[in-house]
Structures are given as structure tokens and as C-alpha cells.
Amino acid sequence: MRDNKTNDVQILTWFLFCVGLFSAVARIGTRYAMTRKHKQDDMIILIGLVPYLAQTIVVSIAASNGLGKTKSELTQDQILRVMKAEYSAVPLFILTLTIVKASILVFVWHLSPGKLHRRLEYALRIIIFGWAFIAINLSLFQCAMPEPWNHIKRNKCADIKAWWTFVTVVNALTDVSTVTLQLLIVWSVQISYSKKLLLSSLFGTRLIVVAPTVAQLETFWHATQAEDFTYVYRIPVILSQTTLALSFVTACIPYLKPFMESLESGVIHIPDVGEQLHDEDRSALNLDNWGSSSNSGARTLAGSFTSSGLPSGNKIRQTKSWAVDVRGSRR
């Protein structure tokens, strides 16, 4: 008889949720401590904790009913509850990932120095929301009514392996595309080479999420062929929880206090000439004079960005409150 792994699933599921929760709280707390305000992307990441908590509870219910045990140890009622919990967890998993991705894209939108980057961000947003809509609907109707959760009757289900491959591959590709867009923005502005490398490494941490995503897909393929699914499914489930936790962590890394305290000049979104400069376009990300103190008061820096819409006479003014003002004559 195989070992009972239900406790492992329970412990790892809640531990990983706490990791994601701590990351989100640290991000929001750091932003508020530095700027005394919350931004739209902070609120989105906070909203993402709601389906994340619901998904964690559902997985915990599956474990309490036998996920991690062999089928021979479970009653038919327990097996049914495990399948229902798995069925409920999938759309919540996809919804949580989508909200985290949306938070990152809002950040990218306000960081974008030109129209091209904004168009790319908008296209990526459409792809992600389209993927989420299709994936959630596929998960809800994967098997025939009135028991769409009953994947034991495989002749009444869609090709589960094929649709989950679609979900996982597009999920990974959108993460890679998001990082690529962030790197395009970083390398299109005029900051030192060392700071470009530093920012690239910070944004590149998002690629860590791809590893458990791919591993989850491979283990899921094997799990779909197993008769003892209540025992074998524990591995792809734990990898799914790892994906969610790392998704939150990597979305919050650029907001950590040591990072923000070290920043001194601004990577900011500069509107086209004639646009109104909104508060949310005043970035708290600063990159000049890495590691030096910002207590010397307000300083006026010659405009170091030559991105779209910035007249040659513009200057960037940095104040102790971390606000960044763009001043200059309009044409």
C-alpha cells in the first residue's frame, strides 16, 4: 500500500498560499510606505488574493477527502468529492493567474515610454483575457452534463490532455511575452548599462514561473493515464500551487523596499506632447546614482530619456517625496 500523502498536500498548499499572501502584503505595504498611496496595480493584486484563497480552500477540501490516498482506501462518496474539488479548483486557478498578469500589465502600461510599447501591451492584454475566457469555459464544460466534474467516464469528456496543454502552453508564453516587453522598455531608455542589467534581472525573475508550469503539464499528462488518480494527481496539484505562489512573488519583486530605496532617477512613462500628465504616470521607480542617499533634497536632472514626446528642453525634477515631475515648454 502506498503512503498517505494527504497531509503533504495540505501543508504544502497552505504554505505556498502564505508565501503568495506575504508577497502581496509586502508589495502593497512597501508602495504605501514609499508613496503614501495605493495604485491601480496594487488593488488588482489584492483582488487576486480572493480567488487564490478560494482555490486554496478547494484544494484543501480535496486533500481532506482523500487527494493523496489510493482509490482503494476511499469510498465512492470521497472520490466524488475529490473530483468536484478538482473541478472547482481549475477555473479559480486560471482566474487567479489572469488577475496577477493583469496587475503586471497595468504596471507595464504606466512604465511604457512610447506608443509602440503601449500597443504591444494592449495586444498582450487581449491575448491574456481571451485565453482566460476560453480556458475557464473549457474547464467548466470539460465533461458532459449533468456531471462535468466526472472525468472517470472519459468517453463523455473532451480531450482533457489537449485542452490542458493549450491552457499551460499559452500561460507560459504570455509570461515570456510579458518579460520580453518589460525588457524592451528597459533597453529603450537612456540609463546606464549596469542599471539595465539590474532591471532586466529583476523583471526576468518572472520566467521562474515557467519551470513549475512546464513540470505541471508533464506530470498531468502522466496522471491522466493513471487509474489511481486520487494518489497520482497530488503532484500536478502541488505544482499548480507552486505556480500560483511564484506568480505572486515574481509580480511583487520590483516593489520590495530595499530595491525601491536604492533607486534615484526615474524610469517613467512620458506622455506625448499635448497629453495631460496624470498622477499614476509619476513613477516611484528611480534608477540614477544607485545606492546613494536621497536626502540631499530636490534635484533637477537633465532629461535622460529621449523617448517619444519629450521636447529637448524638458527636465526631470525629483523631490524627496519620490514624485517625479516632467517640466518643459510645449510646442
Protein backbone atom coordinates (compact mmCIF):
# COMPACT_ATOMS: atom_id res chain seq x y z
CA MET A 1 0.00 0.00 0.00
CA ARG A 2 1.27 3.45 -0.90
CA ASP A 3 1.98 6.07 1.75
CA ASN A 4 -0.76 8.53 2.65
CA LYS A 5 0.24 11.90 1.13
CA THR A 6 -2.84 13.93 2.08
CA ASN A 7 -1.01 15.76 4.86
CA ASP A 8 1.78 16.69 2.45
CA VAL A 9 -0.76 18.20 0.07
CA GLN A 10 -2.43 20.14 2.90
CA ILE A 11 0.79 21.53 4.34
CA LEU A 12 2.35 22.49 1.02
CA THR A 13 -0.87 24.06 -0.26
CA TRP A 14 -1.26 26.36 2.73
CA PHE A 15 2.45 27.10 2.97
CA LEU A 16 2.55 28.19 -0.67
CA PHE A 17 -0.56 30.33 -0.18
CA CYS A 18 1.14 32.08 2.75
CA VAL A 19 4.16 32.77 0.53
CA GLY A 20 1.95 34.39 -2.10
CA LEU A 21 -0.03 36.30 0.52
CA PHE A 22 3.11 37.61 2.23
CA SER A 23 4.50 38.76 -1.13
CA ALA A 24 1.33 40.71 -1.95
CA VAL A 25 1.18 42.30 1.52
CA ALA A 26 4.88 43.23 1.33
CA ARG A 27 4.36 44.80 -2.09
CA ILE A 28 1.34 46.86 -1.04
CA GLY A 29 2.94 47.86 2.27
CA THR A 30 6.16 48.92 0.57
CA ARG A 31 4.35 51.00 -2.03
CA TYR A 32 2.29 52.74 0.64
CA ALA A 33 5.33 53.36 2.87
CA MET A 34 7.21 54.96 -0.03
CA THR A 35 4.43 56.96 -1.68
CA ARG A 36 1.60 57.12 0.89
CA LYS A 37 -0.84 55.93 -1.74
CA HIS A 38 -2.05 52.78 -3.44
CA LYS A 39 -2.06 52.38 -7.21
CA GLN A 40 -4.37 50.51 -9.55
CA ASP A 41 -1.99 47.57 -9.94
CA ASP A 42 -1.87 47.21 -6.13
CA MET A 43 -5.63 46.94 -5.96
CA ILE A 44 -5.66 44.36 -8.75
CA ILE A 45 -3.09 42.15 -6.99
CA LEU A 46 -5.16 42.48 -3.81
CA ILE A 47 -8.28 41.34 -5.67
CA GLY A 48 -6.30 38.36 -6.96
CA LEU A 49 -5.92 37.08 -3.41
CA VAL A 50 -9.67 36.38 -3.26
CA PRO A 51 -9.83 33.62 -5.92
CA TYR A 52 -6.40 32.45 -4.75
CA LEU A 53 -7.74 31.88 -1.23
CA ALA A 54 -10.86 30.18 -2.62
CA GLN A 55 -8.73 27.92 -4.81
CA THR A 56 -6.51 27.02 -1.86
CA ILE A 57 -9.54 26.12 0.26
CA VAL A 58 -10.91 23.92 -2.53
CA VAL A 59 -7.60 22.06 -2.88
CA SER A 60 -7.53 21.64 0.89
CA ILE A 61 -11.02 20.13 0.74
CA ALA A 62 -9.83 17.70 -1.94
CA ALA A 63 -6.92 16.66 0.29
CA SER A 64 -9.19 16.22 3.31
CA ASN A 65 -11.35 13.87 1.25
CA GLY A 66 -8.50 11.72 0.00
CA LEU A 67 -6.33 13.52 -2.58
CA GLY A 68 -3.01 11.85 -1.86
CA LYS A 69 -4.51 8.46 -0.97
CA THR A 70 -5.06 5.47 -3.23
CA LYS A 71 -8.56 4.89 -4.61
CA SER A 72 -8.80 1.59 -2.78
CA GLU A 73 -8.69 3.46 0.54
CA LEU A 74 -11.56 5.79 -0.40
CA THR A 75 -15.31 5.42 -0.58
CA GLN A 76 -17.22 6.33 -3.74
CA ASP A 77 -18.52 9.42 -1.97
CA GLN A 78 -14.97 10.56 -1.13
CA ILE A 79 -13.82 10.00 -4.72
CA LEU A 80 -16.76 12.07 -5.94
CA ARG A 81 -15.88 14.93 -3.57
CA VAL A 82 -12.25 14.85 -4.72
CA MET A 83 -13.34 15.15 -8.36
CA LYS A 84 -15.73 18.00 -7.55
CA ALA A 85 -12.99 19.85 -5.69
CA GLU A 86 -10.55 19.39 -8.57
CA TYR A 87 -13.21 20.62 -10.98
CA SER A 88 -13.79 23.76 -8.88
CA ALA A 89 -10.08 24.47 -8.42
CA VAL A 90 -9.21 24.74 -12.12
CA PRO A 91 -11.24 27.86 -13.10
CA LEU A 92 -10.13 29.55 -9.85
CA PHE A 93 -6.52 28.71 -10.75
CA ILE A 94 -6.90 30.29 -14.20
CA LEU A 95 -8.74 33.34 -12.83
CA THR A 96 -6.03 33.96 -10.22
CA LEU A 97 -3.27 33.78 -12.81
CA THR A 98 -5.18 36.16 -15.08
CA ILE A 99 -5.59 38.77 -12.34
CA VAL A 100 -1.89 38.63 -11.46
CA LYS A 101 -0.99 39.03 -15.14
CA ALA A 102 -3.38 42.00 -15.37
CA SER A 103 -1.63 43.65 -12.43
CA ILE A 104 1.73 43.31 -14.16
CA LEU A 105 0.34 44.71 -17.42
CA VAL A 106 -1.05 47.79 -15.64
CA PHE A 107 2.44 48.39 -14.27
CA VAL A 108 3.90 47.93 -17.76
CA TRP A 109 1.32 50.35 -19.21
CA HIS A 110 2.41 53.17 -16.90
CA LEU A 111 6.07 52.33 -17.46
CA SER A 112 5.78 52.44 -21.27
CA PRO A 113 7.79 55.31 -22.80
CA GLY A 114 6.15 55.23 -26.23
CA LYS A 115 3.11 54.30 -28.29
CA LEU A 116 4.69 51.11 -29.66
CA HIS A 117 5.14 49.64 -26.19
CA ARG A 118 1.56 50.54 -25.30
CA ARG A 119 0.25 48.85 -28.45
CA LEU A 120 2.22 45.72 -27.60
CA GLU A 121 0.88 45.80 -24.05
CA TYR A 122 -2.67 46.20 -25.34
CA ALA A 123 -2.25 43.25 -27.73
CA LEU A 124 -0.86 41.12 -24.91
CA ARG A 125 -3.80 42.12 -22.72
CA ILE A 126 -6.27 40.94 -25.37
CA ILE A 127 -4.43 37.61 -25.71
CA ILE A 128 -4.42 37.01 -21.95
CA PHE A 129 -8.09 37.86 -21.45
CA GLY A 130 -9.04 35.78 -24.49
CA TRP A 131 -7.00 32.86 -23.16
CA ALA A 132 -8.67 33.16 -19.75
CA PHE A 133 -12.18 33.24 -21.25
CA ILE A 134 -11.55 30.16 -23.40
CA ALA A 135 -9.68 28.24 -20.70
CA ILE A 136 -12.29 28.84 -17.98
CA ASN A 137 -15.13 27.81 -20.27
CA LEU A 138 -13.26 24.67 -21.32
CA SER A 139 -12.68 23.79 -17.68
CA LEU A 140 -16.36 24.26 -16.82
CA PHE A 141 -17.59 22.08 -19.69
CA GLN A 142 -14.78 19.52 -19.94
CA CYS A 143 -17.21 16.62 -19.41
CA ALA A 144 -20.86 16.05 -20.26
CA MET A 145 -23.65 17.37 -18.10
CA PRO A 146 -25.02 16.76 -15.53
CA GLU A 147 -21.63 15.67 -14.11
CA PRO A 148 -18.97 17.87 -15.75
CA TRP A 149 -16.53 17.01 -12.92
CA ASN A 150 -16.67 13.24 -13.54
CA HIS A 151 -13.60 12.58 -15.69
CA ILE A 152 -13.67 8.85 -14.88
CA LYS A 153 -16.22 8.47 -17.70
CA ARG A 154 -13.70 9.50 -20.32
CA ASN A 155 -15.97 8.71 -23.24
CA LYS A 156 -18.15 11.64 -22.13
CA CYS A 157 -15.29 14.13 -21.76
CA ALA A 158 -13.34 16.32 -24.12
CA ASP A 159 -9.68 15.56 -24.73
CA ILE A 160 -8.52 16.67 -21.28
CA LYS A 161 -4.85 16.29 -22.15
CA ALA A 162 -5.23 18.52 -25.23
CA TRP A 163 -7.16 21.34 -23.56
CA TRP A 164 -4.85 21.45 -20.55
CA THR A 165 -1.86 21.57 -22.88
CA PHE A 166 -3.44 24.63 -24.51
CA VAL A 167 -4.02 26.25 -21.11
CA THR A 168 -0.48 25.61 -19.89
CA VAL A 169 1.40 26.50 -23.07
CA VAL A 170 -0.40 29.81 -23.56
CA ASN A 171 0.06 30.60 -19.88
CA ALA A 172 3.83 30.11 -20.19
CA LEU A 173 4.04 32.03 -23.48
CA THR A 174 2.21 35.05 -22.06
CA ASP A 175 4.66 35.14 -19.14
CA VAL A 176 7.59 35.04 -21.55
CA SER A 177 5.97 37.75 -23.69
CA THR A 178 5.39 39.98 -20.66
CA VAL A 179 9.04 39.73 -19.63
CA THR A 180 10.12 40.42 -23.21
CA LEU A 181 8.00 43.59 -23.30
CA GLN A 182 9.45 44.75 -19.98
CA LEU A 183 12.97 44.20 -21.30
CA LEU A 184 12.16 46.13 -24.48
CA ILE A 185 11.11 49.07 -22.32
CA VAL A 186 14.20 48.88 -20.10
CA TRP A 187 16.61 48.75 -23.03
CA SER A 188 14.86 51.57 -24.92
CA VAL A 189 15.52 54.22 -22.25
CA GLN A 190 18.80 56.01 -21.58
CA ILE A 191 20.11 54.67 -18.30
CA SER A 192 23.46 53.09 -17.52
CA TYR A 193 24.24 49.61 -18.78
CA SER A 194 24.61 48.24 -15.25
CA LYS A 195 21.15 49.50 -14.30
CA LYS A 196 19.65 48.00 -17.43
CA LEU A 197 21.14 44.66 -16.43
CA LEU A 198 19.82 45.02 -12.90
CA LEU A 199 16.29 45.85 -14.04
CA SER A 200 16.43 43.07 -16.62
CA SER A 201 17.32 40.56 -13.93
CA LEU A 202 14.50 41.79 -11.67
CA PHE A 203 11.87 41.62 -14.39
CA GLY A 204 13.37 38.37 -15.66
CA THR A 205 12.54 36.63 -12.39
CA ARG A 206 9.05 36.21 -13.84
CA LEU A 207 10.49 33.43 -16.02
CA ILE A 208 10.90 31.32 -12.87
CA VAL A 209 7.15 30.68 -13.06
CA VAL A 210 7.59 28.86 -16.36
CA ALA A 211 9.50 25.99 -14.72
CA PRO A 212 6.70 24.66 -12.46
CA THR A 213 4.21 25.40 -15.24
CA VAL A 214 6.00 23.09 -17.66
CA ALA A 215 6.63 20.48 -14.94
CA GLN A 216 2.94 20.55 -14.02
CA LEU A 217 1.98 19.86 -17.63
CA GLU A 218 4.32 16.88 -17.90
CA THR A 219 3.11 15.32 -14.64
CA PHE A 220 -0.50 15.98 -15.63
CA TRP A 221 -0.01 14.03 -18.86
CA HIS A 222 1.13 11.02 -16.83
CA ALA A 223 -1.63 11.47 -14.26
CA THR A 224 -4.37 11.33 -16.89
CA GLN A 225 -3.22 7.82 -17.81
CA ALA A 226 -3.21 6.56 -14.22
CA GLU A 227 -6.09 4.56 -12.78
CA ASP A 228 -5.19 5.57 -9.24
CA PHE A 229 -5.75 9.26 -9.98
CA THR A 230 -6.52 10.29 -6.38
CA TYR A 231 -2.93 9.40 -5.47
CA VAL A 232 -1.08 10.44 -8.64
CA TYR A 233 -2.85 13.79 -9.08
CA ARG A 234 -1.23 15.16 -5.92
CA ILE A 235 1.96 16.01 -7.86
CA PRO A 236 0.40 18.22 -10.60
CA VAL A 237 -1.80 19.80 -7.91
CA ILE A 238 1.21 20.77 -5.78
CA LEU A 239 2.98 22.11 -8.89
CA SER A 240 -0.11 24.18 -9.69
CA GLN A 241 0.03 25.69 -6.18
CA THR A 242 3.74 26.38 -6.71
CA THR A 243 2.91 28.18 -9.95
CA LEU A 244 0.38 30.41 -8.18
CA ALA A 245 2.74 31.25 -5.31
CA LEU A 246 5.64 32.09 -7.63
CA SER A 247 3.30 34.12 -9.82
CA PHE A 248 2.54 36.39 -6.85
CA VAL A 249 6.17 36.51 -5.70
CA THR A 250 7.59 37.48 -9.09
CA ALA A 251 4.84 40.06 -9.62
CA CYS A 252 5.85 41.74 -6.35
CA ILE A 253 9.67 41.63 -6.52
CA PRO A 254 10.10 45.11 -8.15
CA TYR A 255 8.27 46.67 -5.19
CA LEU A 256 10.44 45.34 -2.38
CA LYS A 257 11.71 48.09 -0.07
CA PRO A 258 15.50 47.51 -0.49
CA PHE A 259 15.02 47.78 -4.25
CA MET A 260 12.92 50.95 -4.11
CA GLU A 261 15.17 52.62 -1.53
CA SER A 262 18.16 52.14 -3.83
CA LEU A 263 16.55 53.96 -6.74
CA GLU A 264 17.41 57.53 -7.57
CA SER A 265 16.44 58.52 -11.13
CA GLY A 266 13.17 57.66 -12.82
CA VAL A 267 12.00 55.13 -15.32
CA ILE A 268 8.76 56.92 -16.02
CA HIS A 269 6.05 56.99 -18.62
CA ILE A 270 6.38 60.24 -20.56
CA PRO A 271 3.18 61.19 -22.38
CA ASP A 272 3.11 62.51 -25.91
CA VAL A 273 3.27 66.29 -26.26
CA GLY A 274 -0.18 67.67 -25.51
CA GLU A 275 -1.19 64.80 -23.21
CA GLN A 276 -2.07 65.54 -19.62
CA LEU A 277 0.36 64.05 -17.09
CA HIS A 278 -1.67 62.00 -14.61
CA ASP A 279 -0.61 61.11 -11.10
CA GLU A 280 -0.32 57.43 -11.90
CA ASP A 281 2.24 58.24 -14.60
CA ARG A 282 4.59 59.64 -11.95
CA SER A 283 6.63 56.53 -11.24
CA ALA A 284 8.14 55.64 -7.92
CA LEU A 285 10.84 53.66 -9.73
CA ASN A 286 14.14 55.60 -9.83
CA LEU A 287 17.47 54.41 -11.11
CA ASP A 288 20.15 57.12 -11.01
CA ASN A 289 23.05 57.26 -8.53
CA TRP A 290 22.46 53.68 -7.44
CA GLY A 291 22.70 53.23 -3.69
CA SER A 292 23.26 56.90 -2.82
CA SER A 293 21.21 58.85 -0.33
CA SER A 294 18.17 60.80 -1.48
CA ASN A 295 18.22 63.18 1.48
CA SER A 296 20.01 65.96 -0.35
CA GLY A 297 16.66 67.49 -1.27
CA ALA A 298 15.16 68.25 -4.65
CA ARG A 299 17.42 67.99 -7.63
CA THR A 300 16.92 68.91 -11.24
CA LEU A 301 18.26 66.38 -13.70
CA ALA A 302 18.75 66.96 -17.38
CA GLY A 303 16.26 64.79 -19.21
CA SER A 304 17.88 61.42 -19.60
CA PHE A 305 15.11 59.92 -21.69
CA THR A 306 14.72 60.66 -25.36
CA SER A 307 11.58 58.58 -25.76
CA SER A 308 8.51 59.72 -27.65
CA GLY A 309 7.01 63.07 -26.88
CA LEU A 310 9.76 64.62 -24.73
CA PRO A 311 10.93 68.00 -26.07
CA SER A 312 14.64 68.70 -25.83
CA GLY A 313 14.01 71.45 -23.28
CA ASN A 314 12.30 69.15 -20.80
CA LYS A 315 13.78 68.39 -17.43
CA ILE A 316 13.02 65.76 -14.85
CA ARG A 317 12.67 67.06 -11.32
CA GLN A 318 12.98 64.64 -8.42
CA THR A 319 11.79 65.52 -4.94
CA LYS A 320 12.20 63.83 -1.58
CA SER A 321 8.62 62.62 -1.74
CA TRP A 322 9.56 60.32 -4.65
CA ALA A 323 7.28 62.23 -7.03
CA VAL A 324 8.76 62.77 -10.46
CA ASP A 325 7.75 65.90 -12.36
CA VAL A 326 8.22 66.44 -16.07
CA ARG A 327 8.58 70.10 -16.99
CA GLY A 328 9.23 71.83 -20.25
CA SER A 329 7.74 74.03 -22.89
CA ARG A 330 5.02 72.60 -25.08
CA ARG A 331 5.22 73.01 -28.77
